Amino acid sequence: SLLILRAQGHDLHGKQAISFGPHLAVGLWWIWVL
């Protein structure tokens, strides 16, 4: 997601805040499935 944001021209930095919940959700879903 951060790479996509950078490719879109967003100025990313060390304190860049992104919503981590969607990514945690993907991790939970795949670990539960597998």
Full PDB file with SEQRES, HELIX, SHEET, SSBOND, CRYST1, ORIGX, SCALE, CONECT and MASTER records, all heavy atoms in Angstrom:
SEQRES   1 A   34  SER LEU LEU ILE LEU ARG ALA GLN GLY HIS ASP LEU HIS          
SEQRES   2 A   34  GLY LYS GLN ALA ILE SER PHE GLY PRO HIS LEU ALA VAL          
SEQRES   3 A   34  GLY LEU TRP TRP ILE TRP VAL LEU                              
HELIX    1 AA1 LEU A    2  ALA A    7  1                                   6    
HELIX    2 AA2 GLY A   21  VAL A   33  1                                  13    
CRYST1    1.000    1.000    1.000  90.00  90.00  90.00 P 1           1          
ORIGX1      1.000000  0.000000  0.000000        0.00000                         
ORIGX2      0.000000  1.000000  0.000000        0.00000                         
ORIGX3      0.000000  0.000000  1.000000        0.00000                         
SCALE1      1.000000  0.000000  0.000000        0.00000                         
SCALE2      0.000000  1.000000  0.000000        0.00000                         
SCALE3      0.000000  0.000000  1.000000        0.00000                         
ATOM      1  N   SER A   1       0.826  -1.206   0.000  1.00  0.00           N  
ATOM      2  CA  SER A   1       0.000   0.000   0.000  1.00  0.00           C  
ATOM      3  C   SER A   1       0.861   1.259   0.000  1.00  0.00           C  
ATOM      4  O   SER A   1       0.555   2.242  -0.685  1.00  0.00           O  
ATOM      5  CB  SER A   1      -0.940   0.004   1.212  1.00  0.00           C  
ATOM      6  OG  SER A   1      -1.965  -0.948   1.060  1.00  0.00           O  
ATOM      7  N   LEU A   2       1.943   1.242   0.775  1.00  0.00           N  
ATOM      8  CA  LEU A   2       2.838   2.395   0.809  1.00  0.00           C  
ATOM      9  C   LEU A   2       3.517   2.613  -0.551  1.00  0.00           C  
ATOM     10  O   LEU A   2       3.698   3.754  -0.986  1.00  0.00           O  
ATOM     11  CB  LEU A   2       3.887   2.211   1.896  1.00  0.00           C  
ATOM     12  CG  LEU A   2       3.395   2.375   3.337  1.00  0.00           C  
ATOM     13  CD1 LEU A   2       4.480   1.984   4.326  1.00  0.00           C  
ATOM     14  CD2 LEU A   2       2.945   3.809   3.594  1.00  0.00           C  
ATOM     15  N   LEU A   3       3.893   1.523  -1.213  1.00  0.00           N  
ATOM     16  CA  LEU A   3       4.495   1.644  -2.547  1.00  0.00           C  
ATOM     17  C   LEU A   3       3.506   2.240  -3.547  1.00  0.00           C  
ATOM     18  O   LEU A   3       3.882   3.038  -4.411  1.00  0.00           O  
ATOM     19  CB  LEU A   3       4.972   0.274  -3.026  1.00  0.00           C  
ATOM     20  CG  LEU A   3       6.196  -0.300  -2.308  1.00  0.00           C  
ATOM     21  CD1 LEU A   3       6.465  -1.726  -2.777  1.00  0.00           C  
ATOM     22  CD2 LEU A   3       7.424   0.574  -2.551  1.00  0.00           C  
ATOM     23  N   ILE A   4       2.240   1.859  -3.426  1.00  0.00           N  
ATOM     24  CA  ILE A   4       1.218   2.423  -4.311  1.00  0.00           C  
ATOM     25  C   ILE A   4       1.064   3.912  -4.048  1.00  0.00           C  
ATOM     26  O   ILE A   4       0.970   4.724  -4.986  1.00  0.00           O  
ATOM     27  CB  ILE A   4      -0.130   1.687  -4.114  1.00  0.00           C  
ATOM     28  CG1 ILE A   4      -0.021   0.243  -4.626  1.00  0.00           C  
ATOM     29  CG2 ILE A   4      -1.256   2.425  -4.833  1.00  0.00           C  
ATOM     30  CD1 ILE A   4      -1.221  -0.623  -4.299  1.00  0.00           C  
ATOM     31  N   LEU A   5       1.040   4.299  -2.770  1.00  0.00           N  
ATOM     32  CA  LEU A   5       0.939   5.714  -2.421  1.00  0.00           C  
ATOM     33  C   LEU A   5       2.127   6.506  -2.968  1.00  0.00           C  
ATOM     34  O   LEU A   5       1.962   7.611  -3.497  1.00  0.00           O  
ATOM     35  CB  LEU A   5       0.860   5.877  -0.899  1.00  0.00           C  
ATOM     36  CG  LEU A   5      -0.460   5.475  -0.244  1.00  0.00           C  
ATOM     37  CD1 LEU A   5      -0.319   5.476   1.273  1.00  0.00           C  
ATOM     38  CD2 LEU A   5      -1.588   6.410  -0.670  1.00  0.00           C  
ATOM     39  N   ARG A   6       3.317   5.935  -2.851  1.00  0.00           N  
ATOM     40  CA  ARG A   6       4.508   6.617  -3.373  1.00  0.00           C  
ATOM     41  C   ARG A   6       4.420   6.747  -4.894  1.00  0.00           C  
ATOM     42  O   ARG A   6       4.774   7.796  -5.453  1.00  0.00           O  
ATOM     43  CB  ARG A   6       5.772   5.857  -2.979  1.00  0.00           C  
ATOM     44  CG  ARG A   6       7.060   6.506  -3.476  1.00  0.00           C  
ATOM     45  CD  ARG A   6       8.292   5.785  -2.981  1.00  0.00           C  
ATOM     46  NE  ARG A   6       8.507   6.012  -1.571  1.00  0.00           N  
ATOM     47  CZ  ARG A   6       9.110   7.083  -1.065  1.00  0.00           C  
ATOM     48  NH1 ARG A   6       9.526   8.048  -1.870  1.00  0.00           N  
ATOM     49  NH2 ARG A   6       9.273   7.210   0.224  1.00  0.00           N  
ATOM     50  N   ALA A   7       3.963   5.692  -5.562  1.00  0.00           N  
ATOM     51  CA  ALA A   7       3.835   5.742  -7.019  1.00  0.00           C  
ATOM     52  C   ALA A   7       2.817   6.795  -7.453  1.00  0.00           C  
ATOM     53  O   ALA A   7       2.918   7.343  -8.557  1.00  0.00           O  
ATOM     54  CB  ALA A   7       3.429   4.376  -7.553  1.00  0.00           C  
ATOM     55  N   GLN A   8       1.856   7.098  -6.576  1.00  0.00           N  
ATOM     56  CA  GLN A   8       0.859   8.111  -6.888  1.00  0.00           C  
ATOM     57  C   GLN A   8       1.337   9.524  -6.562  1.00  0.00           C  
ATOM     58  O   GLN A   8       0.588  10.484  -6.736  1.00  0.00           O  
ATOM     59  CB  GLN A   8      -0.437   7.820  -6.121  1.00  0.00           C  
ATOM     60  CG  GLN A   8      -1.158   6.573  -6.601  1.00  0.00           C  
ATOM     61  CD  GLN A   8      -2.396   6.274  -5.766  1.00  0.00           C  
ATOM     62  OE1 GLN A   8      -2.475   6.638  -4.596  1.00  0.00           O  
ATOM     63  NE2 GLN A   8      -3.367   5.624  -6.378  1.00  0.00           N  
ATOM     64  N   GLY A   9       2.580   9.627  -6.060  1.00  0.00           N  
ATOM     65  CA  GLY A   9       3.147  10.935  -5.811  1.00  0.00           C  
ATOM     66  C   GLY A   9       3.013  11.453  -4.402  1.00  0.00           C  
ATOM     67  O   GLY A   9       3.341  12.610  -4.132  1.00  0.00           O  
ATOM     68  N   HIS A  10       2.560  10.606  -3.475  1.00  0.00           N  
ATOM     69  CA  HIS A  10       2.448  11.044  -2.089  1.00  0.00           C  
ATOM     70  C   HIS A  10       3.836  11.150  -1.463  1.00  0.00           C  
ATOM     71  O   HIS A  10       4.711  10.311  -1.709  1.00  0.00           O  
ATOM     72  CB  HIS A  10       1.593  10.063  -1.285  1.00  0.00           C  
ATOM     73  CG  HIS A  10       0.145  10.081  -1.671  1.00  0.00           C  
ATOM     74  ND1 HIS A  10      -0.783  10.883  -1.056  1.00  0.00           N  
ATOM     75  CD2 HIS A  10      -0.517   9.391  -2.630  1.00  0.00           C  
ATOM     76  CE1 HIS A  10      -1.967  10.689  -1.606  1.00  0.00           C  
ATOM     77  NE2 HIS A  10      -1.838   9.783  -2.568  1.00  0.00           N  
ATOM     78  N   ASP A  11       4.021  12.159  -0.644  1.00  0.00           N  
ATOM     79  CA  ASP A  11       5.298  12.378   0.034  1.00  0.00           C  
ATOM     80  C   ASP A  11       5.292  11.587   1.341  1.00  0.00           C  
ATOM     81  O   ASP A  11       4.657  11.988   2.323  1.00  0.00           O  
ATOM     82  CB  ASP A  11       5.494  13.873   0.311  1.00  0.00           C  
ATOM     83  CG  ASP A  11       6.855  14.162   0.928  1.00  0.00           C  
ATOM     84  OD1 ASP A  11       7.755  13.315   0.780  1.00  0.00           O  
ATOM     85  OD2 ASP A  11       7.009  15.226   1.570  1.00  0.00           O  
ATOM     86  N   LEU A  12       5.974  10.458   1.349  1.00  0.00           N  
ATOM     87  CA  LEU A  12       5.987   9.590   2.525  1.00  0.00           C  
ATOM     88  C   LEU A  12       7.194   9.902   3.389  1.00  0.00           C  
ATOM     89  O   LEU A  12       8.245  10.308   2.917  1.00  0.00           O  
ATOM     90  CB  LEU A  12       6.024   8.119   2.090  1.00  0.00           C  
ATOM     91  CG  LEU A  12       4.882   7.679   1.155  1.00  0.00           C  
ATOM     92  CD1 LEU A  12       5.023   6.205   0.830  1.00  0.00           C  
ATOM     93  CD2 LEU A  12       3.530   7.962   1.783  1.00  0.00           C  
ATOM     94  N   HIS A  13       7.019   9.690   4.697  1.00  0.00           N  
ATOM     95  CA  HIS A  13       8.102   9.952   5.648  1.00  0.00           C  
ATOM     96  C   HIS A  13       7.998   8.969   6.807  1.00  0.00           C  
ATOM     97  O   HIS A  13       7.082   8.136   6.858  1.00  0.00           O  
ATOM     98  CB  HIS A  13       8.024  11.400   6.165  1.00  0.00           C  
ATOM     99  CG  HIS A  13       6.661  11.792   6.654  1.00  0.00           C  
ATOM    100  ND1 HIS A  13       6.189  11.434   7.898  1.00  0.00           N  
ATOM    101  CD2 HIS A  13       5.673  12.478   6.045  1.00  0.00           C  
ATOM    102  CE1 HIS A  13       4.965  11.904   8.051  1.00  0.00           C  
ATOM    103  NE2 HIS A  13       4.616  12.535   6.947  1.00  0.00           N  
ATOM    104  N   GLY A  14       8.944   9.051   7.736  1.00  0.00           N  
ATOM    105  CA  GLY A  14       9.015   8.088   8.832  1.00  0.00           C  
ATOM    106  C   GLY A  14       7.800   8.080   9.723  1.00  0.00           C  
ATOM    107  O   GLY A  14       7.490   7.060  10.351  1.00  0.00           O  
ATOM    108  N   LYS A  15       7.097   9.219   9.823  1.00  0.00           N  
ATOM    109  CA  LYS A  15       5.918   9.306  10.669  1.00  0.00           C  
ATOM    110  C   LYS A  15       4.621   9.139   9.878  1.00  0.00           C  
ATOM    111  O   LYS A  15       3.545   9.443  10.376  1.00  0.00           O  
ATOM    112  CB  LYS A  15       5.897  10.655  11.397  1.00  0.00           C  
ATOM    113  CG  LYS A  15       7.041  10.831  12.395  1.00  0.00           C  
ATOM    114  CD  LYS A  15       6.912  12.149  13.142  1.00  0.00           C  
ATOM    115  CE  LYS A  15       8.057  12.328  14.135  1.00  0.00           C  
ATOM    116  NZ  LYS A  15       7.930  13.615  14.878  1.00  0.00           N  
ATOM    117  N   GLN A  16       4.744   8.641   8.640  1.00  0.00           N  
ATOM    118  CA  GLN A  16       3.566   8.469   7.803  1.00  0.00           C  
ATOM    119  C   GLN A  16       2.568   7.526   8.467  1.00  0.00           C  
ATOM    120  O   GLN A  16       2.891   6.391   8.821  1.00  0.00           O  
ATOM    121  CB  GLN A  16       3.966   7.889   6.441  1.00  0.00           C  
ATOM    122  CG  GLN A  16       2.804   7.673   5.483  1.00  0.00           C  
ATOM    123  CD  GLN A  16       2.262   8.980   4.955  1.00  0.00           C  
ATOM    124  OE1 GLN A  16       3.016   9.905   4.688  1.00  0.00           O  
ATOM    125  NE2 GLN A  16       0.955   9.067   4.821  1.00  0.00           N  
ATOM    126  N   ALA A  17       1.355   8.016   8.661  1.00  0.00           N  
ATOM    127  CA  ALA A  17       0.311   7.206   9.299  1.00  0.00           C  
ATOM    128  C   ALA A  17      -0.561   6.570   8.222  1.00  0.00           C  
ATOM    129  O   ALA A  17      -1.060   7.254   7.337  1.00  0.00           O  
ATOM    130  CB  ALA A  17      -0.534   8.070  10.225  1.00  0.00           C  
ATOM    131  N   ILE A  18      -0.728   5.265   8.296  1.00  0.00           N  
ATOM    132  CA  ILE A  18      -1.657   4.576   7.414  1.00  0.00           C  
ATOM    133  C   ILE A  18      -2.563   3.718   8.284  1.00  0.00           C  
ATOM    134  O   ILE A  18      -2.214   3.364   9.413  1.00  0.00           O  
ATOM    135  CB  ILE A  18      -0.927   3.690   6.376  1.00  0.00           C  
ATOM    136  CG1 ILE A  18      -0.171   2.544   7.070  1.00  0.00           C  
ATOM    137  CG2 ILE A  18      -0.010   4.504   5.501  1.00  0.00           C  
ATOM    138  CD1 ILE A  18       0.287   1.469   6.116  1.00  0.00           C  
ATOM    139  N   SER A  19      -3.714   3.413   7.756  1.00  0.00           N  
ATOM    140  CA  SER A  19      -4.634   2.533   8.485  1.00  0.00           C  
ATOM    141  C   SER A  19      -4.103   1.105   8.395  1.00  0.00           C  
ATOM    142  O   SER A  19      -4.027   0.532   7.302  1.00  0.00           O  
ATOM    143  CB  SER A  19      -6.035   2.634   7.885  1.00  0.00           C  
ATOM    144  OG  SER A  19      -6.555   3.935   8.051  1.00  0.00           O  
ATOM    145  N   PHE A  20      -3.725   0.550   9.548  1.00  0.00           N  
ATOM    146  CA  PHE A  20      -3.135  -0.783   9.567  1.00  0.00           C  
ATOM    147  C   PHE A  20      -4.189  -1.877   9.700  1.00  0.00           C  
ATOM    148  O   PHE A  20      -3.922  -3.042   9.433  1.00  0.00           O  
ATOM    149  CB  PHE A  20      -2.135  -0.864  10.721  1.00  0.00           C  
ATOM    150  CG  PHE A  20      -1.125  -1.970  10.594  1.00  0.00           C  
ATOM    151  CD1 PHE A  20      -0.503  -2.254   9.391  1.00  0.00           C  
ATOM    152  CD2 PHE A  20      -0.784  -2.728  11.703  1.00  0.00           C  
ATOM    153  CE1 PHE A  20       0.418  -3.281   9.275  1.00  0.00           C  
ATOM    154  CE2 PHE A  20       0.148  -3.754  11.607  1.00  0.00           C  
ATOM    155  CZ  PHE A  20       0.750  -4.029  10.390  1.00  0.00           C  
ATOM    156  N   GLY A  21      -5.407  -1.483  10.124  1.00  0.00           N  
ATOM    157  CA  GLY A  21      -6.460  -2.471  10.330  1.00  0.00           C  
ATOM    158  C   GLY A  21      -6.767  -3.334   9.116  1.00  0.00           C  
ATOM    159  O   GLY A  21      -6.894  -4.562   9.251  1.00  0.00           O  
ATOM    160  N   PRO A  22      -6.901  -2.755   7.908  1.00  0.00           N  
ATOM    161  CA  PRO A  22      -7.173  -3.593   6.743  1.00  0.00           C  
ATOM    162  C   PRO A  22      -6.094  -4.650   6.498  1.00  0.00           C  
ATOM    163  O   PRO A  22      -6.394  -5.771   6.078  1.00  0.00           O  
ATOM    164  CB  PRO A  22      -7.240  -2.580   5.594  1.00  0.00           C  
ATOM    165  CG  PRO A  22      -7.665  -1.310   6.240  1.00  0.00           C  
ATOM    166  CD  PRO A  22      -6.988  -1.317   7.573  1.00  0.00           C  
ATOM    167  N   HIS A  23      -4.861  -4.304   6.770  1.00  0.00           N  
ATOM    168  CA  HIS A  23      -3.760  -5.248   6.554  1.00  0.00           C  
ATOM    169  C   HIS A  23      -3.748  -6.336   7.635  1.00  0.00           C  
ATOM    170  O   HIS A  23      -3.467  -7.507   7.351  1.00  0.00           O  
ATOM    171  CB  HIS A  23      -2.443  -4.482   6.509  1.00  0.00           C  
ATOM    172  CG  HIS A  23      -2.475  -3.337   5.546  1.00  0.00           C  
ATOM    173  ND1 HIS A  23      -2.522  -3.517   4.183  1.00  0.00           N  
ATOM    174  CD2 HIS A  23      -2.513  -1.983   5.748  1.00  0.00           C  
ATOM    175  CE1 HIS A  23      -2.571  -2.340   3.580  1.00  0.00           C  
ATOM    176  NE2 HIS A  23      -2.573  -1.393   4.504  1.00  0.00           N  
ATOM    177  N   LEU A  24      -4.075  -5.950   8.866  1.00  0.00           N  
ATOM    178  CA  LEU A  24      -4.239  -6.955   9.918  1.00  0.00           C  
ATOM    179  C   LEU A  24      -5.386  -7.904   9.586  1.00  0.00           C  
ATOM    180  O   LEU A  24      -5.318  -9.108   9.855  1.00  0.00           O  
ATOM    181  CB  LEU A  24      -4.503  -6.276  11.267  1.00  0.00           C  
ATOM    182  CG  LEU A  24      -3.344  -5.496  11.888  1.00  0.00           C  
ATOM    183  CD1 LEU A  24      -3.829  -4.713  13.103  1.00  0.00           C  
ATOM    184  CD2 LEU A  24      -2.204  -6.435  12.287  1.00  0.00           C  
ATOM    185  N   ALA A  25      -6.436  -7.359   8.981  1.00  0.00           N  
ATOM    186  CA  ALA A  25      -7.590  -8.187   8.608  1.00  0.00           C  
ATOM    187  C   ALA A  25      -7.199  -9.235   7.570  1.00  0.00           C  
ATOM    188  O   ALA A  25      -7.617 -10.400   7.658  1.00  0.00           O  
ATOM    189  CB  ALA A  25      -8.712  -7.296   8.067  1.00  0.00           C  
ATOM    190  N   VAL A  26      -6.394  -8.830   6.580  1.00  0.00           N  
ATOM    191  CA  VAL A  26      -5.915  -9.785   5.577  1.00  0.00           C  
ATOM    192  C   VAL A  26      -5.078 -10.881   6.238  1.00  0.00           C  
ATOM    193  O   VAL A  26      -5.225 -12.075   5.936  1.00  0.00           O  
ATOM    194  CB  VAL A  26      -5.086  -9.049   4.498  1.00  0.00           C  
ATOM    195  CG1 VAL A  26      -4.345 -10.047   3.618  1.00  0.00           C  
ATOM    196  CG2 VAL A  26      -5.990  -8.175   3.654  1.00  0.00           C  
ATOM    197  N   GLY A  27      -4.198 -10.470   7.161  1.00  0.00           N  
ATOM    198  CA  GLY A  27      -3.379 -11.461   7.859  1.00  0.00           C  
ATOM    199  C   GLY A  27      -4.214 -12.437   8.653  1.00  0.00           C  
ATOM    200  O   GLY A  27      -3.983 -13.659   8.612  1.00  0.00           O  
ATOM    201  N   LEU A  28      -5.212 -11.929   9.379  1.00  0.00           N  
ATOM    202  CA  LEU A  28      -6.084 -12.809  10.171  1.00  0.00           C  
ATOM    203  C   LEU A  28      -6.854 -13.768   9.275  1.00  0.00           C  
ATOM    204  O   LEU A  28      -6.956 -14.969   9.567  1.00  0.00           O  
ATOM    205  CB  LEU A  28      -7.050 -11.958  11.000  1.00  0.00           C  
ATOM    206  CG  LEU A  28      -8.097 -12.732  11.804  1.00  0.00           C  
ATOM    207  CD1 LEU A  28      -7.448 -13.697  12.781  1.00  0.00           C  
ATOM    208  CD2 LEU A  28      -9.025 -11.772  12.546  1.00  0.00           C  
ATOM    209  N   TRP A  29      -7.388 -13.253   8.180  1.00  0.00           N  
ATOM    210  CA  TRP A  29      -8.189 -14.080   7.284  1.00  0.00           C  
ATOM    211  C   TRP A  29      -7.374 -15.223   6.696  1.00  0.00           C  
ATOM    212  O   TRP A  29      -7.784 -16.384   6.723  1.00  0.00           O  
ATOM    213  CB  TRP A  29      -8.775 -13.217   6.180  1.00  0.00           C  
ATOM    214  CG  TRP A  29      -9.544 -13.934   5.122  1.00  0.00           C  
ATOM    215  CD1 TRP A  29      -9.346 -13.860   3.785  1.00  0.00           C  
ATOM    216  CD2 TRP A  29     -10.649 -14.829   5.302  1.00  0.00           C  
ATOM    217  NE1 TRP A  29     -10.247 -14.638   3.114  1.00  0.00           N  
ATOM    218  CE2 TRP A  29     -11.068 -15.255   4.018  1.00  0.00           C  
ATOM    219  CE3 TRP A  29     -11.332 -15.322   6.416  1.00  0.00           C  
ATOM    220  CZ2 TRP A  29     -12.124 -16.137   3.825  1.00  0.00           C  
ATOM    221  CZ3 TRP A  29     -12.387 -16.210   6.225  1.00  0.00           C  
ATOM    222  CH2 TRP A  29     -12.776 -16.603   4.950  1.00  0.00           C  
ATOM    223  N   TRP A  30      -6.175 -14.924   6.186  1.00  0.00           N  
ATOM    224  CA  TRP A  30      -5.380 -15.965   5.550  1.00  0.00           C  
ATOM    225  C   TRP A  30      -4.823 -16.969   6.555  1.00  0.00           C  
ATOM    226  O   TRP A  30      -4.753 -18.174   6.258  1.00  0.00           O  
ATOM    227  CB  TRP A  30      -4.252 -15.341   4.730  1.00  0.00           C  
ATOM    228  CG  TRP A  30      -4.678 -15.098   3.318  1.00  0.00           C  
ATOM    229  CD1 TRP A  30      -5.079 -13.926   2.773  1.00  0.00           C  
ATOM    230  CD2 TRP A  30      -4.795 -16.081   2.286  1.00  0.00           C  
ATOM    231  NE1 TRP A  30      -5.427 -14.101   1.455  1.00  0.00           N  
ATOM    232  CE2 TRP A  30      -5.259 -15.415   1.129  1.00  0.00           C  
ATOM    233  CE3 TRP A  30      -4.543 -17.450   2.224  1.00  0.00           C  
ATOM    234  CZ2 TRP A  30      -5.479 -16.081  -0.073  1.00  0.00           C  
ATOM    235  CZ3 TRP A  30      -4.752 -18.118   1.022  1.00  0.00           C  
ATOM    236  CH2 TRP A  30      -5.216 -17.435  -0.102  1.00  0.00           C  
ATOM    237  N   ILE A  31      -4.451 -16.514   7.754  1.00  0.00           N  
ATOM    238  CA  ILE A  31      -3.962 -17.469   8.753  1.00  0.00           C  
ATOM    239  C   ILE A  31      -5.096 -18.360   9.232  1.00  0.00           C  
ATOM    240  O   ILE A  31      -4.896 -19.564   9.466  1.00  0.00           O  
ATOM    241  CB  ILE A  31      -3.306 -16.732   9.940  1.00  0.00           C  
ATOM    242  CG1 ILE A  31      -2.023 -16.041   9.478  1.00  0.00           C  
ATOM    243  CG2 ILE A  31      -2.988 -17.702  11.076  1.00  0.00           C  
ATOM    244  CD1 ILE A  31      -0.972 -16.981   8.906  1.00  0.00           C  
ATOM    245  N   TRP A  32      -6.303 -17.810   9.343  1.00  0.00           N  
ATOM    246  CA  TRP A  32      -7.441 -18.656   9.726  1.00  0.00           C  
ATOM    247  C   TRP A  32      -7.745 -19.677   8.634  1.00  0.00           C  
ATOM    248  O   TRP A  32      -8.031 -20.840   8.921  1.00  0.00           O  
ATOM    249  CB  TRP A  32      -8.676 -17.796   9.985  1.00  0.00           C  
ATOM    250  CG  TRP A  32      -9.832 -18.604  10.517  1.00  0.00           C  
ATOM    251  CD1 TRP A  32     -10.008 -19.028  11.813  1.00  0.00           C  
ATOM    252  CD2 TRP A  32     -10.940 -19.105   9.767  1.00  0.00           C  
ATOM    253  NE1 TRP A  32     -11.179 -19.762  11.899  1.00  0.00           N  
ATOM    254  CE2 TRP A  32     -11.762 -19.822  10.658  1.00  0.00           C  
ATOM    255  CE3 TRP A  32     -11.311 -19.020   8.417  1.00  0.00           C  
ATOM    256  CZ2 TRP A  32     -12.949 -20.446  10.262  1.00  0.00           C  
ATOM    257  CZ3 TRP A  32     -12.481 -19.638   8.021  1.00  0.00           C  
ATOM    258  CH2 TRP A  32     -13.286 -20.343   8.936  1.00  0.00           C  
ATOM    259  N   VAL A  33      -7.682 -19.243   7.389  1.00  0.00           N  
ATOM    260  CA  VAL A  33      -7.981 -20.155   6.271  1.00  0.00           C  
ATOM    261  C   VAL A  33      -6.920 -21.258   6.163  1.00  0.00           C  
ATOM    262  O   VAL A  33      -7.244 -22.443   5.993  1.00  0.00           O  
ATOM    263  CB  VAL A  33      -8.067 -19.363   4.944  1.00  0.00           C  
ATOM    264  CG1 VAL A  33      -8.059 -20.313   3.740  1.00  0.00           C  
ATOM    265  CG2 VAL A  33      -9.316 -18.496   4.935  1.00  0.00           C  
ATOM    266  N   LEU A  34      -5.651 -20.875   6.263  1.00  0.00           N  
ATOM    267  CA  LEU A  34      -4.556 -21.834   6.059  1.00  0.00           C  
ATOM    268  C   LEU A  34      -4.144 -22.572   7.324  1.00  0.00           C  
ATOM    269  O   LEU A  34      -3.559 -23.641   7.265  1.00  0.00           O  
ATOM    270  CB  LEU A  34      -3.331 -21.115   5.479  1.00  0.00           C  
ATOM    271  CG  LEU A  34      -3.498 -20.463   4.110  1.00  0.00           C  
ATOM    272  CD1 LEU A  34      -2.200 -19.718   3.744  1.00  0.00           C  
ATOM    273  CD2 LEU A  34      -3.854 -21.491   3.051  1.00  0.00           C  
TER     274      LEU A  34                                                      
MASTER        0    0    0    2    0    0    0    6  273    1    0    3          
END                                                                             
